[in-house]
C-alpha atoms as a PDB file:
ATOM      1  CA  MET A   1       4.931 -21.406 -20.650  1.00  0.00           C
ATOM      2  CA  VAL A   2       5.680 -21.275 -16.940  1.00  0.00           C
ATOM      3  CA  GLU A   3       2.749 -20.554 -14.636  1.00  0.00           C
ATOM      4  CA  GLY A   4       4.927 -18.250 -12.541  1.00  0.00           C
ATOM      5  CA  ASP A   5       5.623 -16.080 -15.605  1.00  0.00           C
ATOM      6  CA  VAL A   6       1.899 -15.603 -16.192  1.00  0.00           C
ATOM      7  CA  GLU A   7       1.404 -14.540 -12.576  1.00  0.00           C
ATOM      8  CA  ARG A   8       4.248 -12.054 -12.862  1.00  0.00           C
ATOM      9  CA  ILE A   9       2.656 -10.542 -15.938  1.00  0.00           C
ATOM     10  CA  LYS A  10      -0.694 -10.232 -14.156  1.00  0.00           C
ATOM     11  CA  ARG A  11       0.988  -8.540 -11.201  1.00  0.00           C
ATOM     12  CA  GLY A  12       3.077  -6.152 -13.296  1.00  0.00           C
ATOM     13  CA  LEU A  13       0.542  -5.219 -15.986  1.00  0.00           C
ATOM     14  CA  TYR A  14      -1.239  -1.877 -15.845  1.00  0.00           C
ATOM     15  CA  VAL A  15      -3.299  -0.820 -18.888  1.00  0.00           C
ATOM     16  CA  ASP A  16      -0.719  -0.991 -21.719  1.00  0.00           C
ATOM     17  CA  ASN A  17       2.397  -0.840 -19.541  1.00  0.00           C
ATOM     18  CA  PHE A  18       4.250  -3.679 -17.879  1.00  0.00           C
ATOM     19  CA  GLN A  19       7.100  -3.655 -15.356  1.00  0.00           C
ATOM     20  CA  PHE A  20       9.238  -6.450 -13.934  1.00  0.00           C
ATOM     21  CA  THR A  21      12.216  -6.460 -11.561  1.00  0.00           C
ATOM     22  CA  SER A  22      14.905  -9.054 -10.945  1.00  0.00           C
ATOM     23  CA  SER A  23      18.495  -9.054  -9.702  1.00  0.00           C
ATOM     24  CA  ASP A  24      19.291 -12.177 -11.772  1.00  0.00           C
ATOM     25  CA  ASP A  25      20.473 -11.473 -15.360  1.00  0.00           C
ATOM     26  CA  ASN A  26      19.499 -14.956 -16.564  1.00  0.00           C
ATOM     27  CA  GLU A  27      16.024 -14.583 -15.103  1.00  0.00           C
ATOM     28  CA  LEU A  28      15.597 -11.238 -16.877  1.00  0.00           C
ATOM     29  CA  VAL A  29      16.581 -12.715 -20.260  1.00  0.00           C
ATOM     30  CA  HIS A  30      14.355 -15.759 -19.719  1.00  0.00           C
ATOM     31  CA  PHE A  31      11.407 -13.572 -18.837  1.00  0.00           C
ATOM     32  CA  PHE A  32      12.022 -11.331 -21.841  1.00  0.00           C
ATOM     33  CA  PHE A  33      11.491 -14.253 -24.215  1.00  0.00           C
ATOM     34  CA  GLU A  34       8.609 -15.764 -22.239  1.00  0.00           C
ATOM     35  CA  ALA A  35       6.721 -12.449 -21.996  1.00  0.00           C
ATOM     36  CA  ASN A  36       7.052 -11.847 -25.735  1.00  0.00           C
ATOM     37  CA  LYS A  37       5.857 -15.396 -26.428  1.00  0.00           C
ATOM     38  CA  ILE A  38       2.845 -15.116 -24.096  1.00  0.00           C
ATOM     39  CA  PHE A  39       1.703 -11.789 -25.559  1.00  0.00           C
ATOM     40  CA  ALA A  40       2.296 -12.981 -29.133  1.00  0.00           C
ATOM     41  CA  GLN A  41      -0.121 -15.876 -28.556  1.00  0.00           C
ATOM     42  CA  ALA A  42      -2.815 -13.264 -27.934  1.00  0.00           C
ATOM     43  CA  HIS A  43      -1.639 -11.254 -30.988  1.00  0.00           C
ATOM     44  CA  LEU A  44      -0.383  -8.521 -28.669  1.00  0.00           C
ATOM     45  CA  TYR A  45       3.182  -7.541 -29.416  1.00  0.00           C
ATOM     46  CA  LEU A  46       5.581  -5.796 -27.051  1.00  0.00           C
ATOM     47  CA  ASN A  47       7.037  -2.965 -29.121  1.00  0.00           C
ATOM     48  CA  GLU A  48       9.442  -1.378 -26.675  1.00  0.00           C
ATOM     49  CA  TRP A  49      11.621  -2.445 -23.758  1.00  0.00           C
ATOM     50  CA  MET A  50      13.453  -0.208 -21.334  1.00  0.00           C
ATOM     51  CA  SER A  51      15.970  -1.770 -18.962  1.00  0.00           C
ATOM     52  CA  ASN A  52      19.005  -0.820 -16.913  1.00  0.00           C
ATOM     53  CA  ASN A  53      20.503  -4.189 -17.872  1.00  0.00           C
ATOM     54  CA  ASP A  54      22.843  -3.800 -20.856  1.00  0.00           C
ATOM     55  CA  SER A  55      22.566  -7.469 -21.896  1.00  0.00           C
ATOM     56  CA  LEU A  56      18.798  -7.276 -22.141  1.00  0.00           C
ATOM     57  CA  GLN A  57      18.987  -4.028 -24.094  1.00  0.00           C
ATOM     58  CA  THR A  58      21.344  -5.670 -26.601  1.00  0.00           C
ATOM     59  CA  ILE A  59      19.082  -8.727 -26.994  1.00  0.00           C
ATOM     60  CA  ALA A  60      16.027  -6.536 -27.538  1.00  0.00           C
ATOM     61  CA  LYS A  61      17.804  -4.617 -30.306  1.00  0.00           C
ATOM     62  CA  ALA A  62      18.923  -7.879 -31.949  1.00  0.00           C
ATOM     63  CA  TYR A  63      15.280  -8.942 -32.187  1.00  0.00           C
ATOM     64  CA  GLY A  64      14.256  -5.633 -33.714  1.00  0.00           C
ATOM     65  CA  ILE A  65      12.526  -4.348 -30.584  1.00  0.00           C
ATOM     66  CA  SER A  66      13.009  -0.748 -29.564  1.00  0.00           C
ATOM     67  CA  ALA A  67      15.149  -0.659 -26.435  1.00  0.00           C
ATOM     68  CA  GLY A  68      14.763   3.018 -25.559  1.00  0.00           C
ATOM     69  CA  GLU A  69      18.010   4.944 -25.740  1.00  0.00           C
ATOM     70  CA  GLN A  70      17.051   7.805 -23.420  1.00  0.00           C
ATOM     71  CA  THR A  71      18.265   7.755 -19.833  1.00  0.00           C
ATOM     72  CA  ALA A  72      14.990   8.956 -18.285  1.00  0.00           C
ATOM     73  CA  HIS A  73      11.744   7.191 -18.948  1.00  0.00           C
ATOM     74  CA  LYS A  74       8.186   7.456 -17.655  1.00  0.00           C
ATOM     75  CA  VAL A  75       6.952   4.510 -15.586  1.00  0.00           C
ATOM     76  CA  LEU A  76       3.316   4.681 -14.513  1.00  0.00           C
ATOM     77  CA  GLY A  77       3.418   8.460 -14.240  1.00  0.00           C
ATOM     78  CA  LEU A  78       6.807   8.649 -12.522  1.00  0.00           C
ATOM     79  CA  ASN A  79      10.176   9.591 -14.037  1.00  0.00           C
ATOM     80  CA  TRP A  80      12.649   6.706 -13.898  1.00  0.00           C
ATOM     81  CA  ASP A  81      16.344   7.445 -14.336  1.00  0.00           C
ATOM     82  CA  LYS A  82      17.737   4.033 -15.264  1.00  0.00           C
ATOM     83  CA  GLU A  83      21.356   5.138 -14.838  1.00  0.00           C
ATOM     84  CA  LYS A  84      20.912   6.474 -11.297  1.00  0.00           C
ATOM     85  CA  GLY A  85      18.195   3.966 -10.371  1.00  0.00           C
ATOM     86  CA  THR A  86      15.920   6.669  -8.990  1.00  0.00           C
ATOM     87  CA  LEU A  87      12.329   7.814  -9.373  1.00  0.00           C
ATOM     88  CA  THR A  88      11.055  11.379  -9.338  1.00  0.00           C
ATOM     89  CA  LEU A  89       7.604  12.896  -9.558  1.00  0.00           C
ATOM     90  CA  GLN A  90       6.323  14.703 -12.614  1.00  0.00           C
ATOM     91  CA  GLN A  91       7.041  18.413 -12.426  1.00  0.00           C
ATOM     92  CA  THR A  92       3.810  20.282 -11.806  1.00  0.00           C
ATOM     93  CA  LYS A  93       3.260  24.015 -11.893  1.00  0.00           C
ATOM     94  CA  ILE A  94       2.155  25.157  -8.452  1.00  0.00           C
ATOM     95  CA  ASN A  95       0.023  28.267  -8.565  1.00  0.00           C
ATOM     96  CA  ASN A  96       0.848  30.153  -5.358  1.00  0.00           C
ATOM     97  CA  SER A  97      -1.416  33.011  -6.385  1.00  0.00           C
ATOM     98  CA  SER A  98      -4.602  30.915  -6.221  1.00  0.00           C
ATOM     99  CA  GLN A  99      -7.307  33.117  -4.746  1.00  0.00           C
ATOM    100  CA  THR A 100     -10.394  30.864  -4.763  1.00  0.00           C
ATOM    101  CA  LYS A 101     -11.317  27.405  -3.518  1.00  0.00           C
ATOM    102  CA  ARG A 102     -11.616  26.171  -7.100  1.00  0.00           C
ATOM    103  CA  GLU A 103      -8.071  27.250  -7.962  1.00  0.00           C
ATOM    104  CA  VAL A 104      -6.624  25.699  -4.808  1.00  0.00           C
ATOM    105  CA  LEU A 105      -8.358  22.381  -5.474  1.00  0.00           C
ATOM    106  CA  ARG A 106      -7.156  22.398  -9.089  1.00  0.00           C
ATOM    107  CA  THR A 107      -3.567  22.912  -7.963  1.00  0.00           C
ATOM    108  CA  VAL A 108      -3.626  20.228  -5.238  1.00  0.00           C
ATOM    109  CA  ALA A 109      -5.329  17.651  -7.485  1.00  0.00           C
ATOM    110  CA  ARG A 110      -2.653  18.158 -10.152  1.00  0.00           C
ATOM    111  CA  ILE A 111       0.066  16.609  -7.964  1.00  0.00           C
ATOM    112  CA  TYR A 112       0.476  12.926  -8.877  1.00  0.00           C
ATOM    113  CA  ASP A 113       2.148  11.023  -6.055  1.00  0.00           C
ATOM    114  CA  PRO A 114       1.072   7.324  -6.188  1.00  0.00           C
ATOM    115  CA  ILE A 115       3.276   6.082  -3.343  1.00  0.00           C
ATOM    116  CA  ARG A 116       2.767   9.313  -1.395  1.00  0.00           C
ATOM    117  CA  VAL A 117       6.367  10.227  -0.638  1.00  0.00           C
ATOM    118  CA  LEU A 118       5.229  13.859  -0.344  1.00  0.00           C
ATOM    119  CA  LEU A 119       2.502  13.039   2.141  1.00  0.00           C
ATOM    120  CA  PRO A 120       3.924  15.161   5.008  1.00  0.00           C
ATOM    121  CA  VAL A 121       3.313  18.187   2.765  1.00  0.00           C
ATOM    122  CA  THR A 122       0.309  17.117   0.675  1.00  0.00           C
ATOM    123  CA  ILE A 123      -1.686  16.123   3.757  1.00  0.00           C
ATOM    124  CA  ARG A 124      -1.338  19.743   4.914  1.00  0.00           C
ATOM    125  CA  ALA A 125      -2.823  20.838   1.591  1.00  0.00           C
ATOM    126  CA  ARG A 126      -5.761  18.487   2.096  1.00  0.00           C
ATOM    127  CA  ILE A 127      -6.292  19.785   5.631  1.00  0.00           C
ATOM    128  CA  TYR A 128      -6.222  23.304   4.200  1.00  0.00           C
ATOM    129  CA  LEU A 129      -8.890  22.331   1.655  1.00  0.00           C
ATOM    130  CA  GLN A 130     -11.054  20.880   4.410  1.00  0.00           C
ATOM    131  CA  ASN A 131     -10.722  24.174   6.262  1.00  0.00           C
ATOM    132  CA  LEU A 132     -11.999  26.004   3.178  1.00  0.00           C
ATOM    133  CA  TRP A 133     -15.086  23.822   3.252  1.00  0.00           C
ATOM    134  CA  LYS A 134     -15.572  24.524   6.954  1.00  0.00           C
ATOM    135  CA  GLN A 135     -15.499  28.230   6.133  1.00  0.00           C
ATOM    136  CA  GLN A 136     -18.425  27.550   3.732  1.00  0.00           C
ATOM    137  CA  LEU A 137     -16.754  29.505   0.952  1.00  0.00           C
ATOM    138  CA  ASP A 138     -18.219  29.377  -2.555  1.00  0.00           C
ATOM    139  CA  TRP A 139     -16.106  27.941  -5.369  1.00  0.00           C
ATOM    140  CA  ASP A 140     -15.158  31.299  -6.855  1.00  0.00           C
ATOM    141  CA  GLU A 141     -15.308  33.443  -3.729  1.00  0.00           C
ATOM    142  CA  GLN A 142     -12.165  35.404  -2.906  1.00  0.00           C
ATOM    143  CA  LEU A 143     -10.181  33.850  -0.064  1.00  0.00           C
ATOM    144  CA  PRO A 144      -9.671  35.988   3.055  1.00  0.00           C
ATOM    145  CA  ASP A 145      -6.183  37.454   3.461  1.00  0.00           C
ATOM    146  CA  SER A 146      -5.291  35.092   6.312  1.00  0.00           C
ATOM    147  CA  LEU A 147      -6.123  32.031   4.191  1.00  0.00           C
ATOM    148  CA  GLN A 148      -4.308  33.434   1.157  1.00  0.00           C
ATOM    149  CA  ASN A 149      -1.140  33.938   3.217  1.00  0.00           C
ATOM    150  CA  ARG A 150      -1.317  30.351   4.466  1.00  0.00           C
ATOM    151  CA  TRP A 151      -1.729  29.111   0.901  1.00  0.00           C
ATOM    152  CA  VAL A 152       1.351  31.032  -0.282  1.00  0.00           C
ATOM    153  CA  GLU A 153       3.464  29.328   2.400  1.00  0.00           C
ATOM    154  CA  LEU A 154       2.003  25.924   1.646  1.00  0.00           C
ATOM    155  CA  SER A 155       2.385  26.235  -2.134  1.00  0.00           C
ATOM    156  CA  GLU A 156       6.052  27.156  -1.726  1.00  0.00           C
ATOM    157  CA  ASP A 157       6.616  23.959   0.270  1.00  0.00           C
ATOM    158  CA  LEU A 158       4.798  21.922  -2.379  1.00  0.00           C
ATOM    159  CA  GLU A 159       6.952  23.389  -5.134  1.00  0.00           C
ATOM    160  CA  LYS A 160      10.203  22.658  -3.303  1.00  0.00           C
ATOM    161  CA  CYS A 161       9.409  19.025  -2.527  1.00  0.00           C
ATOM    162  CA  LEU A 162       8.613  18.118  -6.148  1.00  0.00           C
ATOM    163  CA  ASP A 163      12.374  17.827  -6.777  1.00  0.00           C
ATOM    164  CA  ILE A 164      12.735  14.960  -4.307  1.00  0.00           C
ATOM    165  CA  PHE A 165      14.044  11.694  -5.779  1.00  0.00           C
ATOM    166  CA  PHE A 166      13.938   8.243  -4.204  1.00  0.00           C
ATOM    167  CA  PRO A 167      15.360   4.793  -5.070  1.00  0.00           C
ATOM    168  CA  ARG A 168      13.398   2.558  -7.407  1.00  0.00           C
ATOM    169  CA  ASN A 169      14.734  -0.619  -5.827  1.00  0.00           C
ATOM    170  CA  THR A 170      13.955  -0.935  -2.119  1.00  0.00           C
ATOM    171  CA  SER A 171      15.107  -4.539  -1.690  1.00  0.00           C
ATOM    172  CA  LEU A 172      17.742  -5.147   0.956  1.00  0.00           C
ATOM    173  CA  GLY A 173      18.198  -8.835   0.100  1.00  0.00           C
ATOM    174  CA  LYS A 174      16.749 -12.017   1.561  1.00  0.00           C
ATOM    175  CA  GLY A 175      15.339 -11.751   5.041  1.00  0.00           C
ATOM    176  CA  ASP A 176      13.652  -8.354   4.658  1.00  0.00           C
ATOM    177  CA  SER A 177      10.835  -7.524   7.053  1.00  0.00           C
ATOM    178  CA  LEU A 178       7.983  -5.056   6.651  1.00  0.00           C
ATOM    179  CA  HIS A 179       7.455  -2.471   9.402  1.00  0.00           C
ATOM    180  CA  ILE A 180       4.369  -0.249   9.338  1.00  0.00           C
ATOM    181  CA  PHE A 181       4.008   2.599  11.826  1.00  0.00           C
ATOM    182  CA  CYS A 182       0.675   4.315  12.399  1.00  0.00           C
ATOM    183  CA  ASP A 183      -0.284   7.444  14.288  1.00  0.00           C
ATOM    184  CA  ALA A 184      -3.026  10.058  14.495  1.00  0.00           C
ATOM    185  CA  SER A 185      -3.730  13.613  15.582  1.00  0.00           C
ATOM    186  CA  GLU A 186      -6.834  15.754  15.764  1.00  0.00           C
ATOM    187  CA  LEU A 187      -6.271  16.835  12.137  1.00  0.00           C
ATOM    188  CA  ALA A 188      -5.253  13.629  10.365  1.00  0.00           C
ATOM    189  CA  TYR A 189      -4.268   9.970  10.766  1.00  0.00           C
ATOM    190  CA  GLY A 190      -1.976   7.794   8.714  1.00  0.00           C
ATOM    191  CA  CYS A 191       0.737   5.167   8.436  1.00  0.00           C
ATOM    192  CA  VAL A 192       4.112   4.630   6.804  1.00  0.00           C
ATOM    193  CA  ALA A 193       5.719   1.388   5.586  1.00  0.00           C
ATOM    194  CA  TYR A 194       9.435   0.624   5.711  1.00  0.00           C
ATOM    195  CA  ARG A 195      11.372  -2.294   4.343  1.00  0.00           C
ATOM    196  CA  VAL A 196      13.884  -3.235   7.048  1.00  0.00           C
ATOM    197  CA  LYS A 197      16.883  -5.509   7.360  1.00  0.00           C
ATOM    198  CA  LYS A 198      19.028  -5.163  10.483  1.00  0.00           C
ATOM    199  CA  GLU A 199      20.124  -1.497  10.683  1.00  0.00           C
ATOM    200  CA  ASN A 200      19.143  -0.652   7.084  1.00  0.00           C
ATOM    201  CA  SER A 201      15.732   0.510   5.917  1.00  0.00           C
ATOM    202  CA  HIS A 202      13.914   1.922   2.881  1.00  0.00           C
ATOM    203  CA  LEU A 203      10.711   3.919   2.748  1.00  0.00           C
ATOM    204  CA  MET A 204       8.162   2.009   0.669  1.00  0.00           C
ATOM    205  CA  MET A 205       4.830   3.794   0.864  1.00  0.00           C
ATOM    206  CA  THR A 206       2.660   5.994   3.047  1.00  0.00           C
ATOM    207  CA  LYS A 207      -1.060   6.495   3.420  1.00  0.00           C
ATOM    208  CA  ALA A 208      -3.114   9.067   5.320  1.00  0.00           C
ATOM    209  CA  ARG A 209      -6.578  10.515   5.697  1.00  0.00           C
ATOM    210  CA  VAL A 210      -7.796  13.889   6.879  1.00  0.00           C
ATOM    211  CA  ALA A 211      -9.791  13.549  10.095  1.00  0.00           C
ATOM    212  CA  PRO A 212     -13.575  13.720   9.520  1.00  0.00           C
ATOM    213  CA  ILE A 213     -15.266  17.089   9.886  1.00  0.00           C
ATOM    214  CA  LYS A 214     -17.371  15.521  12.628  1.00  0.00           C
ATOM    215  CA  GLU A 215     -14.846  15.590  15.446  1.00  0.00           C
ATOM    216  CA  LEU A 216     -13.622  12.269  16.850  1.00  0.00           C
ATOM    217  CA  THR A 217     -11.443  11.592  19.871  1.00  0.00           C
ATOM    218  CA  VAL A 218      -7.759  10.940  19.227  1.00  0.00           C
ATOM    219  CA  PRO A 219      -8.019   7.280  20.430  1.00  0.00           C
ATOM    220  CA  LYS A 220     -10.725   6.640  17.824  1.00  0.00           C
ATOM    221  CA  LEU A 221      -8.531   8.228  15.169  1.00  0.00           C
ATOM    222  CA  GLU A 222      -5.664   6.020  16.384  1.00  0.00           C
ATOM    223  CA  LEU A 223      -7.906   3.004  15.788  1.00  0.00           C
ATOM    224  CA  MET A 224      -8.674   4.233  12.281  1.00  0.00           C
ATOM    225  CA  ALA A 225      -4.926   4.639  11.698  1.00  0.00           C
ATOM    226  CA  LEU A 226      -4.386   1.048  12.843  1.00  0.00           C
ATOM    227  CA  LEU A 227      -6.988  -0.217  10.368  1.00  0.00           C
ATOM    228  CA  LEU A 228      -5.394   1.877   7.622  1.00  0.00           C
ATOM    229  CA  ALA A 229      -2.029   0.277   8.462  1.00  0.00           C
ATOM    230  CA  ALA A 230      -3.513  -3.236   8.298  1.00  0.00           C
ATOM    231  CA  ARG A 231      -4.980  -2.526   4.866  1.00  0.00           C
ATOM    232  CA  LEU A 232      -1.678  -1.060   3.663  1.00  0.00           C
ATOM    233  CA  ALA A 233       0.140  -4.192   4.875  1.00  0.00           C
ATOM    234  CA  LYS A 234      -2.257  -6.396   2.924  1.00  0.00           C
ATOM    235  CA  PHE A 235      -1.862  -4.255  -0.196  1.00  0.00           C
ATOM    236  CA  ILE A 236       1.952  -4.374  -0.061  1.00  0.00           C
ATOM    237  CA  GLU A 237       2.068  -8.120   0.587  1.00  0.00           C
ATOM    238  CA  GLU A 238      -0.258  -8.804  -2.350  1.00  0.00           C
ATOM    239  CA  SER A 239       1.837  -6.554  -4.596  1.00  0.00           C
ATOM    240  CA  PHE A 240       4.975  -8.640  -4.103  1.00  0.00           C
ATOM    241  CA  GLU A 241       5.778 -12.265  -4.727  1.00  0.00           C
ATOM    242  CA  LYS A 242       5.137 -14.827  -2.017  1.00  0.00           C
ATOM    243  CA  ASP A 243       7.622 -14.906   0.876  1.00  0.00           C
ATOM    244  CA  GLU A 244       9.018 -11.492  -0.072  1.00  0.00           C
ATOM    245  CA  PHE A 245       8.955 -10.532   3.610  1.00  0.00           C
ATOM    246  CA  VAL A 246       9.931 -12.894   6.408  1.00  0.00           C
ATOM    247  CA  LYS A 247       8.130 -10.862   9.073  1.00  0.00           C
ATOM    248  CA  LEU A 248       5.439  -8.208   9.259  1.00  0.00           C
ATOM    249  CA  PHE A 249       5.120  -5.656  12.059  1.00  0.00           C
ATOM    250  CA  VAL A 250       2.320  -3.103  12.538  1.00  0.00           C
ATOM    251  CA  LEU A 251       3.216  -0.672  15.317  1.00  0.00           C
ATOM    252  CA  SER A 252       1.234   1.916  17.261  1.00  0.00           C
ATOM    253  CA  ASP A 253       2.418   4.074  20.150  1.00  0.00           C
ATOM    254  CA  SER A 254      -1.083   4.445  21.580  1.00  0.00           C
ATOM    255  CA  LYS A 255      -1.636   2.325  24.700  1.00  0.00           C
ATOM    256  CA  VAL A 256      -5.283   3.320  24.613  1.00  0.00           C
ATOM    257  CA  THR A 257      -5.664   1.858  21.126  1.00  0.00           C
ATOM    258  CA  LEU A 258      -3.813  -1.344  22.005  1.00  0.00           C
ATOM    259  CA  SER A 259      -6.049  -1.910  25.020  1.00  0.00           C
ATOM    260  CA  TRP A 260      -9.244  -0.721  23.314  1.00  0.00           C
ATOM    261  CA  SER A 261     -10.614  -4.236  22.929  1.00  0.00           C
ATOM    262  CA  SER A 262     -11.062  -4.490  26.707  1.00  0.00           C
ATOM    263  CA  ILE A 263     -13.274  -1.391  26.877  1.00  0.00           C
ATOM    264  CA  SER A 264     -16.940  -1.917  27.602  1.00  0.00           C
ATOM    265  CA  MET A 265     -19.314  -2.493  24.694  1.00  0.00           C
ATOM    266  CA  LYS A 266     -21.692   0.126  26.091  1.00  0.00           C
ATOM    267  CA  ARG A 267     -19.262   2.918  25.248  1.00  0.00           C
ATOM    268  CA  HIS A 268     -18.302   1.876  21.742  1.00  0.00           C
ATOM    269  CA  GLY A 269     -21.123  -0.229  20.380  1.00  0.00           C
ATOM    270  CA  GLU A 270     -20.998  -3.579  18.614  1.00  0.00           C
ATOM    271  CA  LEU A 271     -19.006  -4.643  15.626  1.00  0.00           C
ATOM    272  CA  THR A 272     -20.831  -4.407  12.325  1.00  0.00           C
ATOM    273  CA  LEU A 273     -21.065  -7.559  10.193  1.00  0.00           C
ATOM    274  CA  GLU A 274     -18.513  -6.062   7.777  1.00  0.00           C
ATOM    275  CA  GLU A 275     -16.047  -5.371  10.610  1.00  0.00           C
ATOM    276  CA  LEU A 276     -16.670  -8.811  12.046  1.00  0.00           C
ATOM    277  CA  GLN A 277     -16.018 -10.530   8.735  1.00  0.00           C
ATOM    278  CA  GLU A 278     -12.865  -8.483   8.118  1.00  0.00           C
ATOM    279  CA  ALA A 279     -11.595  -9.292  11.604  1.00  0.00           C
ATOM    280  CA  LYS A 280     -12.348 -12.983  11.070  1.00  0.00           C
ATOM    281  CA  ASN A 281     -10.531 -13.070   7.721  1.00  0.00           C
ATOM    282  CA  LYS A 282      -7.464 -11.346   9.150  1.00  0.00           C
ATOM    283  CA  THR A 283      -7.442 -13.684  12.149  1.00  0.00           C
ATOM    284  CA  ILE A 284      -7.564 -16.765   9.939  1.00  0.00           C
ATOM    285  CA  ALA A 285      -4.817 -15.346   7.707  1.00  0.00           C
ATOM    286  CA  VAL A 286      -2.553 -14.731  10.726  1.00  0.00           C
ATOM    287  CA  ILE A 287      -3.176 -18.249  12.083  1.00  0.00           C
ATOM    288  CA  GLN A 288      -2.455 -19.776   8.675  1.00  0.00           C
ATOM    289  CA  ARG A 289       0.757 -17.801   8.212  1.00  0.00           C
ATOM    290  CA  GLU A 290       2.149 -18.159  11.732  1.00  0.00           C
ATOM    291  CA  TYR A 291       1.153 -21.703  12.715  1.00  0.00           C
ATOM    292  CA  PHE A 292       0.162 -23.720   9.645  1.00  0.00           C
ATOM    293  CA  GLN A 293       2.346 -22.401   6.820  1.00  0.00           C
ATOM    294  CA  GLU A 294       3.556 -25.865   5.770  1.00  0.00           C
ATOM    295  CA  GLU A 295       0.045 -27.312   5.838  1.00  0.00           C
ATOM    296  CA  TYR A 296      -1.351 -24.338   3.927  1.00  0.00           C
ATOM    297  CA  GLU A 297       1.206 -24.755   1.138  1.00  0.00           C
ATOM    298  CA  SER A 298       0.473 -28.498   0.895  1.00  0.00           C
ATOM    299  CA  LEU A 299      -3.282 -27.955   0.656  1.00  0.00           C
ATOM    300  CA  MET A 300      -2.847 -25.240  -1.980  1.00  0.00           C
ATOM    301  CA  LYS A 301      -0.869 -27.762  -4.074  1.00  0.00           C
ATOM    302  CA  GLY A 302      -3.634 -30.375  -3.680  1.00  0.00           C
ATOM    303  CA  GLU A 303      -1.498 -32.538  -1.402  1.00  0.00           C
ATOM    304  CA  ASP A 304      -2.428 -34.137   1.926  1.00  0.00           C
ATOM    305  CA  CYS A 305      -1.052 -32.831   5.198  1.00  0.00           C
ATOM    306  CA  SER A 306       1.543 -34.978   6.929  1.00  0.00           C
ATOM    307  CA  GLN A 307       0.340 -37.403   9.590  1.00  0.00           C
ATOM    308  CA  SER A 308       2.177 -35.388  12.250  1.00  0.00           C
ATOM    309  CA  SER A 309       0.429 -32.132  11.305  1.00  0.00           C
ATOM    310  CA  ARG A 310      -1.305 -30.271  14.124  1.00  0.00           C
ATOM    311  CA  LEU A 311      -4.038 -29.417  11.661  1.00  0.00           C
ATOM    312  CA  ARG A 312      -5.326 -32.999  11.746  1.00  0.00           C
ATOM    313  CA  GLY A 313      -6.321 -32.546  15.366  1.00  0.00           C
ATOM    314  CA  LEU A 314      -8.428 -29.433  14.711  1.00  0.00           C
ATOM    315  CA  THR A 315     -12.094 -29.464  13.766  1.00  0.00           C
ATOM    316  CA  ALA A 316     -14.282 -26.682  12.402  1.00  0.00           C
ATOM    317  CA  ARG A 317     -15.723 -26.283  15.903  1.00  0.00           C
ATOM    318  CA  HIS A 318     -12.223 -25.726  17.299  1.00  0.00           C
ATOM    319  CA  MET A 319     -11.543 -22.949  14.800  1.00  0.00           C
ATOM    320  CA  TYR A 320     -14.894 -21.341  15.549  1.00  0.00           C
ATOM    321  CA  CYS A 321     -14.201 -21.424  19.288  1.00  0.00           C
ATOM    322  CA  ILE A 322     -10.813 -19.751  18.767  1.00  0.00           C
ATOM    323  CA  PHE A 323     -12.526 -16.948  16.876  1.00  0.00           C
ATOM    324  CA  VAL A 324     -15.215 -16.538  19.547  1.00  0.00           C
ATOM    325  CA  LEU A 325     -12.612 -16.376  22.327  1.00  0.00           C
ATOM    326  CA  LEU A 326     -10.633 -13.739  20.455  1.00  0.00           C
ATOM    327  CA  PHE A 327     -13.518 -11.417  19.737  1.00  0.00           C
ATOM    328  CA  SER A 328     -16.341 -12.059  22.191  1.00  0.00           C
ATOM    329  CA  LYS A 329     -14.008 -11.021  25.036  1.00  0.00           C
ATOM    330  CA  SER A 330     -13.456  -7.663  23.375  1.00  0.00           C
ATOM    331  CA  GLY A 331     -16.838  -6.438  24.581  1.00  0.00           C
ATOM    332  CA  ARG A 332     -17.768  -5.154  21.093  1.00  0.00           C
ATOM    333  CA  CYS A 333     -19.688  -8.195  19.873  1.00  0.00           C
ATOM    334  CA  ARG A 334     -22.266 -10.400  21.520  1.00  0.00           C
ATOM    335  CA  GLN A 335     -22.645 -14.113  20.977  1.00  0.00           C
ATOM    336  CA  GLU A 336     -26.248 -13.769  19.783  1.00  0.00           C
ATOM    337  CA  LYS A 337     -25.212 -11.160  17.211  1.00  0.00           C
ATOM    338  CA  MET A 338     -22.591 -13.380  15.575  1.00  0.00           C
ATOM    339  CA  ILE A 339     -23.298 -15.318  12.412  1.00  0.00           C
ATOM    340  CA  LYS A 340     -24.517 -18.812  13.203  1.00  0.00           C
ATOM    341  CA  TYR A 341     -22.680 -21.798  11.711  1.00  0.00           C
ATOM    342  CA  ASN A 342     -23.855 -25.390  11.540  1.00  0.00           C
ATOM    343  CA  LEU A 343     -20.792 -27.292  12.698  1.00  0.00           C
END
C-alpha cells in the first residue's frame, strides 16, 4: 500500500462515491488495483467503475466489476458525459408562475450548482429573495404585480442557463497558476477562480454572498470579497495535490481596499482575536511557501535543514517581530491587545 494512494482516496471520497483523475494510463491502472485492495481490507468492495479510459474499462470487466456502459453518468449530483468530457447541471423545473415567497424559495433552493457556474444568474435570485424579506411579506402572501413580473424574467433566465455545459478537466499542464478575482457592489460581493497558463484559462469555481440587509459601504464589501477570495484560494489548494499550482494570485481592483490597512484604527476598530489568528496563520503560510519551501519539506519529512538554510538564523522572537511589524502598523490592532508569548 502506497501512502499517496491512501491520501488520494481520502481526498476523492464523498459518502459512498469516489472520484480520481489522472492523465497517465499506467497510473490509472495502478490506482484501480490499489483502491480495490485498500477497500477490500476494510471489507468494503467497489462494485462499479466508470471511466473514459478504455483500458481501465476493459480491466474492470475482466475482474467482474461493472464498468458502466452508459455515456452519461452522475458524479456528485452533476451529469458527466465521459465521451465529450463535459459536466452539466441536473435539469430542474423552474416554476415561473410562483406567486408567494414560499414558492420562490422552493424554486431557487432546488437548483444544485456546487461549483456555482450559474452564479451570475443565481445571485440575482438570492438578491430577489432578500428583497422579499425587506418587503416583510408573509410566506403565503400574494406577491405584488411588480415583483411577480421581475420573477417571471428571472425564472426565464434561470431556465435557459441550466443547459450550460463546462469541461470536467480544467488542467492546462504543468506550470498552471491560480488567479482569483474579487469584486463587490452595493447588492452583493464575490470572487471567481481561474486556472491560467500563458494565454489559456479555465473557469474553476465562483463564490458570492448577498450584501447584508444592514447597509455597508462598498469599500467594506470589497474587504469582505477579498476575505472570501482568500478562503476560496485555500479551499482550492487543499482540494488538489501538492504543487498543483506554481503561483497563486488574488486580485482586487479597489485601491481603497488595498490601502485599507493604513487607515486609522479609530474609524474601523481593532481586529478580533479570530481575525488576528486567521491573519497570523495566513502570514506564516505565505512565508513558508515563498521563502522556506525547501526547509518546510525537509522538516515535514523529519529531516534536518541544511547548514546553509536561512531558517537556522531565525528565532521565535524574530518570527514574532515580523508578525508585529506586519499588523501593528495597520492601525487595527494594538500591541497590548495582542496575545502574549513567552519567547
